[in-house]
Amino acid sequence: MRQALLGAYRRLPVSARHCLRPSNALEECASFLPNRARLACLELSRAVRGVLFVVQYRSQLALLEGASRLDGAPLRVAADLGQDALVYWTRLLFDGTPSRRVIRELRGAHAFARVGLPDADLALLRLGRLARRHARARGCLVVPAWVQTSLDTRRSLDAIIEGQRSGRSSRKDDIRRARKAGFAPVLAHSPDEVRHFMDEWCNPFVRARYGAGVIRMDEHWVRQMGRVCSVMWIERAGARVGGALLEPRGREVRNLAFGVRDPAAVSEGVLSAAYWLMIEHAVREGYHALQLGSSRPVLSDGVLRHKLKWGGILVPARQWDYFAVAVDRGSAAGRAFLAAHPLIAEEGGRLVAVTSGDGARTLPSSGVSDVRVV
């Protein structure tokens, strides 16, 4: 009987097999619901996945050793990271490819709390939401895997342009450049347009830009987003040169992805034009906020700084994926890293910037509640 059921399961289409898993089925059904119910279902699905992460967690803790990207000094980093995060943090920390040696097997998301932290300048360990208390008890920073940035669009366009002093001149230059180039938005709402955008514009663009660090959205996510999202195509002289995927969320609208085919369009300012055209769209349609999307939790990150330049503010959001970050305060290399790359940590439901030395002097205006110098 069991073999017959397995055989019948394997003969089902891939999409049908995918939807037989409870969390996947919930997300699939949610894509047909009104916004409020859809978002509630997605949050429930994320909670289920967060609990499963704690129960099923299996990984290896590795020691990465190499030359610091900052000054070439020896650097030791203990890391337990997924592929995309490992690529990002390795490029940020090391000059070249570090050596890698597995030092410990991890079982369960609280494993580091039981076995203790390794001897290293810096430790980066994956952490579930339910294990945050354990991380803080070990003296670790609790750092969201991703941070969210939002722009208040209840103001006029002129008020947004003037905005905060930081980045004002650059904002104005980018807007003038976009207008001079003749970039214009055209909205498309069909599932076929969303799939075409993801397959032909977004995925090739992010692969070329991030290489092994890319996070690719699977076909099930694309199918679901096709039911709720619009593509804001960016055209010039009637030809498409780029696009952005926009997800309405009640009184807010969220940017999920960018796509560009021709690298020359990037140098011509199409991405900056996309930010401005999204802001215009959000103000014109009466949205209260434009969510600018996820960024790495590092205040020196170029993507995050670009969002902050446009007036985005970091906003606390319910997260399920974190890092437990431990910095050896006696390590010159660890302190130099924090000074050059302040981290965004969560403390008491607030976001704080954590840095060392003179790093606080160069922090961008970001919406963090406090700055902690260690």
Protein backbone atom coordinates (compact mmCIF):
# COMPACT_ATOMS: atom_id res chain seq x y z
CA MET A 1 0.00 0.00 0.00
CA ARG A 2 2.79 2.39 0.98
CA GLN A 3 4.64 1.76 -2.29
CA ALA A 4 1.44 2.32 -4.28
CA LEU A 5 0.88 5.66 -2.56
CA LEU A 6 4.49 6.71 -3.16
CA GLY A 7 4.16 5.75 -6.82
CA ALA A 8 0.97 7.78 -7.17
CA TYR A 9 2.63 10.74 -5.43
CA ARG A 10 5.64 10.67 -7.78
CA ARG A 11 3.37 10.63 -10.83
CA LEU A 12 1.75 13.90 -9.77
CA PRO A 13 2.90 17.14 -11.41
CA VAL A 14 5.68 18.95 -9.51
CA SER A 15 3.33 21.80 -8.58
CA ALA A 16 0.83 19.34 -7.08
CA ARG A 17 3.53 17.56 -5.04
CA HIS A 18 4.75 20.92 -3.80
CA CYS A 19 1.27 21.87 -2.56
CA LEU A 20 0.80 18.65 -0.59
CA ARG A 21 3.25 19.96 2.04
CA PRO A 22 1.30 21.92 4.69
CA SER A 23 3.27 25.19 4.65
CA ASN A 24 3.44 25.22 0.87
CA ALA A 25 -0.30 24.51 0.62
CA LEU A 26 -1.03 27.38 3.01
CA GLU A 27 1.08 29.81 0.95
CA GLU A 28 -0.54 28.65 -2.30
CA CYS A 29 -4.04 29.13 -0.93
CA ALA A 30 -3.09 32.49 0.56
CA SER A 31 -2.24 33.88 -2.89
CA PHE A 32 -5.97 33.76 -3.76
CA LEU A 33 -7.07 35.68 -0.64
CA PRO A 34 -7.57 39.42 0.01
CA ASN A 35 -4.48 41.23 1.28
CA ARG A 36 -5.10 41.13 5.03
CA ALA A 37 -5.97 37.43 5.07
CA ARG A 38 -3.12 36.63 2.67
CA LEU A 39 -0.51 38.35 4.84
CA ALA A 40 -1.85 36.64 7.98
CA CYS A 41 -1.53 33.24 6.30
CA LEU A 42 2.00 34.01 5.14
CA GLU A 43 2.99 35.00 8.68
CA LEU A 44 1.55 31.72 10.00
CA SER A 45 3.54 29.80 7.38
CA ARG A 46 6.72 31.62 8.38
CA ALA A 47 6.07 30.75 12.02
CA VAL A 48 5.68 27.06 11.16
CA ARG A 49 8.91 27.11 9.18
CA GLY A 50 10.64 28.88 12.07
CA VAL A 51 9.64 26.15 14.50
CA LEU A 52 10.71 23.43 12.06
CA PHE A 53 14.07 25.18 11.73
CA VAL A 54 14.65 24.71 15.47
CA VAL A 55 13.59 21.06 15.41
CA GLN A 56 15.36 19.93 12.24
CA TYR A 57 18.51 22.06 12.32
CA ARG A 58 21.69 20.30 11.15
CA SER A 59 24.87 22.08 10.16
CA GLN A 60 28.65 22.33 10.44
CA LEU A 61 30.57 25.06 12.23
CA ALA A 62 33.65 25.95 10.21
CA LEU A 63 36.69 28.09 11.00
CA LEU A 64 37.59 30.45 8.17
CA GLU A 65 41.15 31.81 8.22
CA GLY A 66 42.69 34.35 5.86
CA ALA A 67 43.72 37.95 5.37
CA SER A 68 41.34 40.71 6.42
CA ARG A 69 39.88 42.71 3.55
CA LEU A 70 40.38 45.87 5.61
CA ASP A 71 44.13 45.78 6.22
CA GLY A 72 45.49 42.35 5.28
CA ALA A 73 45.92 41.33 8.93
CA PRO A 74 45.24 37.68 9.91
CA LEU A 75 41.54 37.07 10.54
CA ARG A 76 39.77 34.06 12.09
CA VAL A 77 36.01 33.74 11.67
CA ALA A 78 33.82 30.92 12.96
CA ALA A 79 30.84 30.63 10.65
CA ASP A 80 27.72 28.51 10.28
CA LEU A 81 26.01 30.03 7.26
CA GLY A 82 23.92 29.09 4.25
CA GLN A 83 25.50 29.39 0.81
CA ASP A 84 24.29 32.90 -0.09
CA ALA A 85 25.15 34.32 3.35
CA LEU A 86 28.54 32.60 3.34
CA VAL A 87 29.41 34.21 -0.01
CA TYR A 88 28.31 37.65 1.17
CA TRP A 89 30.14 37.61 4.52
CA THR A 90 33.28 36.03 3.07
CA ARG A 91 33.55 38.78 0.46
CA LEU A 92 32.93 41.43 3.13
CA LEU A 93 35.49 40.03 5.58
CA PHE A 94 38.33 38.48 3.60
CA ASP A 95 40.78 39.51 0.92
CA GLY A 96 40.52 36.49 -1.35
CA THR A 97 39.31 33.02 -0.43
CA PRO A 98 40.00 31.94 3.16
CA SER A 99 40.89 28.42 4.24
CA ARG A 100 38.00 26.45 5.73
CA ARG A 101 38.17 23.79 8.45
CA VAL A 102 35.13 22.11 10.01
CA ILE A 103 35.51 22.24 13.78
CA ARG A 104 32.12 21.10 15.06
CA GLU A 105 28.88 19.42 14.05
CA LEU A 106 25.78 21.35 15.12
CA ARG A 107 22.47 19.66 15.92
CA GLY A 108 19.54 21.88 16.89
CA ALA A 109 19.33 25.65 16.65
CA HIS A 110 20.41 26.04 20.33
CA ALA A 111 23.60 24.03 19.75
CA PHE A 112 25.98 26.96 20.16
CA ALA A 113 24.45 27.71 23.59
CA ARG A 114 25.35 24.20 24.75
CA VAL A 115 28.83 23.80 23.31
CA GLY A 116 30.17 27.34 23.71
CA LEU A 117 31.69 29.76 21.25
CA PRO A 118 34.93 28.92 19.40
CA ASP A 119 38.15 30.89 19.69
CA ALA A 120 37.90 33.40 16.82
CA ASP A 121 37.96 37.13 16.11
CA LEU A 122 34.35 36.92 14.98
CA ALA A 123 31.61 34.27 15.12
CA LEU A 124 28.56 34.21 12.81
CA LEU A 125 26.03 31.52 13.67
CA ARG A 126 22.57 30.95 12.26
CA LEU A 127 19.85 31.54 14.79
CA GLY A 128 16.10 30.96 14.89
CA ARG A 129 13.70 33.47 16.42
CA LEU A 130 12.99 31.18 19.35
CA ALA A 131 16.68 31.02 20.32
CA ARG A 132 17.33 34.75 20.68
CA ARG A 133 17.32 34.62 24.49
CA HIS A 134 19.98 31.90 24.45
CA ALA A 135 22.19 33.99 22.17
CA ARG A 136 21.97 37.07 24.38
CA ALA A 137 22.75 34.94 27.44
CA ARG A 138 26.01 33.96 25.72
CA GLY A 139 26.88 37.60 25.15
CA CYS A 140 26.09 37.51 21.43
CA LEU A 141 24.51 40.22 19.32
CA VAL A 142 21.17 39.16 17.85
CA VAL A 143 21.32 40.35 14.24
CA PRO A 144 18.41 39.90 11.79
CA ALA A 145 19.40 38.00 8.66
CA TRP A 146 17.66 40.77 6.69
CA VAL A 147 16.51 44.27 7.59
CA GLN A 148 13.53 46.10 6.12
CA THR A 149 13.50 49.69 4.86
CA SER A 150 10.36 51.81 4.44
CA LEU A 151 9.66 55.28 3.03
CA ASP A 152 6.72 57.40 4.21
CA THR A 153 4.78 58.35 1.05
CA ARG A 154 1.98 60.30 2.72
CA ARG A 155 3.99 63.45 1.94
CA SER A 156 4.21 65.36 -1.31
CA LEU A 157 6.88 64.51 -3.86
CA ASP A 158 8.61 67.82 -3.14
CA ALA A 159 8.77 66.98 0.57
CA ILE A 160 10.24 63.56 -0.20
CA ILE A 161 12.86 65.10 -2.51
CA GLU A 162 13.90 67.59 0.16
CA GLY A 163 13.61 64.98 2.91
CA GLN A 164 16.55 64.51 5.22
CA ARG A 165 19.79 66.34 4.53
CA SER A 166 21.77 63.12 4.07
CA GLY A 167 21.76 62.17 0.37
CA ARG A 168 19.66 65.17 -0.72
CA SER A 169 22.06 66.37 -3.41
CA SER A 170 22.50 62.86 -4.80
CA ARG A 171 18.71 62.29 -4.83
CA LYS A 172 18.16 65.45 -6.82
CA ASP A 173 20.93 64.56 -9.27
CA ASP A 174 19.44 61.09 -9.84
CA ILE A 175 15.96 62.53 -10.44
CA ARG A 176 17.28 65.08 -12.95
CA ARG A 177 19.21 62.31 -14.67
CA ALA A 178 16.13 60.05 -14.88
CA ARG A 179 14.01 62.82 -16.34
CA LYS A 180 16.69 63.79 -18.84
CA ALA A 181 17.08 60.17 -19.96
CA GLY A 182 13.34 59.96 -20.62
CA PHE A 183 12.63 56.95 -18.40
CA ALA A 184 8.89 56.37 -17.91
CA PRO A 185 6.86 53.72 -16.01
CA VAL A 186 4.26 51.38 -17.54
CA LEU A 187 2.36 49.03 -15.18
CA ALA A 188 1.41 45.48 -16.17
CA HIS A 189 -0.74 43.27 -13.96
CA SER A 190 -0.95 39.79 -15.51
CA PRO A 191 0.69 36.56 -14.19
CA ASP A 192 2.35 36.12 -17.59
CA GLU A 193 4.04 39.51 -17.26
CA VAL A 194 5.30 38.64 -13.77
CA ARG A 195 6.74 35.32 -14.99
CA HIS A 196 8.33 36.96 -18.03
CA PHE A 197 9.87 39.63 -15.82
CA MET A 198 11.31 37.09 -13.36
CA ASP A 199 12.58 34.62 -15.98
CA GLU A 200 13.95 37.02 -18.58
CA TRP A 201 14.83 40.17 -16.65
CA CYS A 202 15.21 39.63 -12.89
CA ASN A 203 16.89 36.22 -12.52
CA PRO A 204 19.60 36.84 -15.18
CA PHE A 205 20.26 40.28 -13.67
CA VAL A 206 20.73 39.07 -10.08
CA ARG A 207 22.82 36.07 -11.21
CA ALA A 208 25.18 38.38 -13.08
CA ARG A 209 25.34 40.78 -10.14
CA TYR A 210 25.69 38.42 -7.17
CA GLY A 211 27.06 35.20 -8.67
CA ALA A 212 27.20 32.37 -6.12
CA GLY A 213 25.55 34.65 -3.55
CA VAL A 214 22.29 34.92 -5.49
CA ILE A 215 18.97 34.00 -3.86
CA ARG A 216 16.74 32.69 -6.61
CA MET A 217 12.97 32.63 -6.18
CA ASP A 218 11.52 29.26 -7.22
CA GLU A 219 8.71 28.74 -9.72
CA HIS A 220 6.10 28.26 -6.98
CA TRP A 221 6.85 31.68 -5.50
CA VAL A 222 6.72 33.22 -8.98
CA ARG A 223 3.33 31.60 -9.64
CA GLN A 224 1.94 32.90 -6.35
CA MET A 225 3.30 36.42 -6.83
CA GLY A 226 1.82 36.47 -10.33
CA ARG A 227 -1.64 36.52 -8.73
CA VAL A 228 -0.97 39.54 -6.51
CA CYS A 229 1.88 41.60 -8.01
CA SER A 230 2.34 44.11 -10.80
CA VAL A 231 5.41 44.75 -12.91
CA MET A 232 6.42 48.36 -13.22
CA TRP A 233 8.22 48.32 -16.56
CA ILE A 234 10.63 51.19 -17.16
CA GLU A 235 10.57 52.31 -20.77
CA ARG A 236 12.54 54.76 -22.86
CA ALA A 237 11.30 55.79 -26.29
CA GLY A 238 8.73 52.97 -26.11
CA ALA A 239 11.31 50.23 -25.40
CA ARG A 240 11.66 48.37 -22.12
CA VAL A 241 14.99 48.95 -20.36
CA GLY A 242 14.23 47.62 -16.87
CA GLY A 243 11.53 46.82 -14.37
CA ALA A 244 10.52 46.37 -10.75
CA LEU A 245 8.13 43.88 -9.13
CA LEU A 246 5.59 45.60 -6.86
CA GLU A 247 3.40 43.87 -4.27
CA PRO A 248 0.39 45.81 -2.89
CA ARG A 249 0.03 45.27 0.88
CA GLY A 250 -3.09 47.17 1.87
CA ARG A 251 -2.04 50.76 2.47
CA GLU A 252 1.55 49.95 1.61
CA VAL A 253 3.29 48.75 -1.54
CA ARG A 254 6.46 46.67 -1.47
CA ASN A 255 9.30 46.40 -3.96
CA LEU A 256 10.31 42.75 -4.33
CA ALA A 257 12.84 42.74 -7.17
CA PHE A 258 14.57 44.65 -9.96
CA GLY A 259 15.40 43.45 -13.43
CA VAL A 260 17.63 44.86 -16.18
CA ARG A 261 18.75 43.17 -19.39
CA ASP A 262 21.39 45.54 -20.74
CA PRO A 263 24.26 46.36 -18.31
CA ALA A 264 24.63 49.70 -20.10
CA ALA A 265 21.21 50.72 -18.74
CA VAL A 266 22.56 50.39 -15.19
CA SER A 267 25.37 52.83 -15.90
CA GLU A 268 22.78 55.15 -17.47
CA GLY A 269 20.90 55.28 -14.14
CA VAL A 270 17.94 52.95 -14.70
CA LEU A 271 18.06 51.58 -11.13
CA SER A 272 18.03 55.05 -9.57
CA ALA A 273 15.20 55.92 -11.97
CA ALA A 274 13.32 52.85 -10.71
CA TYR A 275 13.47 54.12 -7.13
CA TRP A 276 12.13 57.53 -8.13
CA LEU A 277 9.39 56.12 -10.34
CA MET A 278 8.28 53.75 -7.55
CA ILE A 279 8.05 56.71 -5.17
CA GLU A 280 5.99 58.66 -7.71
CA HIS A 281 3.68 55.65 -8.14
CA ALA A 282 3.21 55.20 -4.36
CA VAL A 283 2.40 58.89 -3.82
CA ARG A 284 0.08 59.09 -6.84
CA GLU A 285 -1.86 55.95 -5.83
CA GLY A 286 -2.29 57.11 -2.23
CA TYR A 287 -0.17 54.47 -0.50
CA HIS A 288 0.98 55.38 3.00
CA ALA A 289 4.41 53.78 2.60
CA LEU A 290 6.74 52.26 0.04
CA GLN A 291 8.61 49.27 1.41
CA LEU A 292 11.97 49.32 -0.34
CA GLY A 293 12.75 45.67 0.29
CA SER A 294 15.27 43.61 2.24
CA SER A 295 18.96 44.36 2.77
CA ARG A 296 21.85 42.79 4.62
CA PRO A 297 22.14 43.95 8.28
CA VAL A 298 25.33 45.94 7.68
CA LEU A 299 25.24 49.75 7.56
CA SER A 300 28.11 49.87 5.07
CA ASP A 301 26.21 47.67 2.58
CA GLY A 302 25.85 49.46 -0.77
CA VAL A 303 22.27 48.31 -1.41
CA LEU A 304 21.13 49.44 2.04
CA ARG A 305 22.90 52.80 1.77
CA HIS A 306 21.19 53.41 -1.58
CA LYS A 307 17.78 52.83 0.02
CA LEU A 308 18.65 55.13 2.91
CA LYS A 309 19.77 57.77 0.42
CA TRP A 310 16.25 57.87 -1.00
CA GLY A 311 14.85 58.58 2.45
CA GLY A 312 14.14 55.02 3.54
CA ILE A 313 14.19 54.29 7.28
CA LEU A 314 14.98 50.96 8.91
CA VAL A 315 11.83 49.57 10.51
CA PRO A 316 11.57 46.69 13.01
CA ALA A 317 9.72 43.73 11.50
CA ARG A 318 8.86 40.24 12.71
CA GLN A 319 11.80 38.07 11.72
CA TRP A 320 12.37 34.32 11.95
CA ASP A 321 15.95 34.14 10.70
CA TYR A 322 18.79 35.71 12.68
CA PHE A 323 22.52 35.50 13.28
CA ALA A 324 24.16 35.20 16.68
CA VAL A 325 27.23 37.40 16.27
CA ALA A 326 30.09 37.33 18.77
CA VAL A 327 33.02 39.75 18.46
CA ASP A 328 36.16 39.19 20.49
CA ARG A 329 36.58 42.59 22.12
CA GLY A 330 40.25 41.90 22.66
CA SER A 331 40.77 41.31 18.95
CA ALA A 332 42.02 44.28 16.93
CA ALA A 333 40.72 42.61 13.76
CA GLY A 334 37.23 42.14 15.24
CA ARG A 335 37.02 45.73 16.46
CA ALA A 336 38.29 47.04 13.12
CA PHE A 337 35.53 45.11 11.37
CA LEU A 338 32.82 46.68 13.57
CA ALA A 339 34.27 50.16 13.03
CA ALA A 340 34.21 49.76 9.23
CA HIS A 341 30.98 47.72 9.02
CA PRO A 342 28.54 48.61 11.85
CA LEU A 343 25.98 45.87 12.39
CA ILE A 344 22.24 46.29 12.91
CA ALA A 345 21.19 44.34 15.99
CA GLU A 346 17.82 43.79 17.65
CA GLU A 347 17.42 44.71 21.31
CA GLY A 348 14.07 44.82 23.08
CA GLY A 349 12.12 45.09 19.83
CA ARG A 350 14.30 48.01 18.66
CA LEU A 351 17.04 48.18 16.06
CA VAL A 352 20.40 49.46 17.25
CA ALA A 353 23.64 50.10 15.37
CA VAL A 354 26.66 48.35 16.90
CA THR A 355 30.12 49.67 16.09
CA SER A 356 33.49 50.33 17.71
CA GLY A 357 36.05 53.10 17.88
CA ASP A 358 35.18 56.04 15.66
CA GLY A 359 32.64 54.09 13.61
CA ALA A 360 29.71 56.04 15.08
CA ARG A 361 30.90 59.22 13.36
CA THR A 362 30.27 57.80 9.89
CA LEU A 363 26.88 56.17 10.47
CA PRO A 364 24.24 57.16 7.88
CA SER A 365 20.85 58.45 9.01
CA SER A 366 18.94 55.19 9.15
CA GLY A 367 16.19 55.09 11.76
CA VAL A 368 18.05 52.94 14.30
CA SER A 369 16.91 53.68 17.85
CA ASP A 370 20.39 53.89 19.33
CA VAL A 371 24.09 53.46 18.63
CA ARG A 372 26.11 51.12 20.83
CA VAL A 373 29.90 51.45 20.78
CA VAL A 374 31.73 48.33 22.00
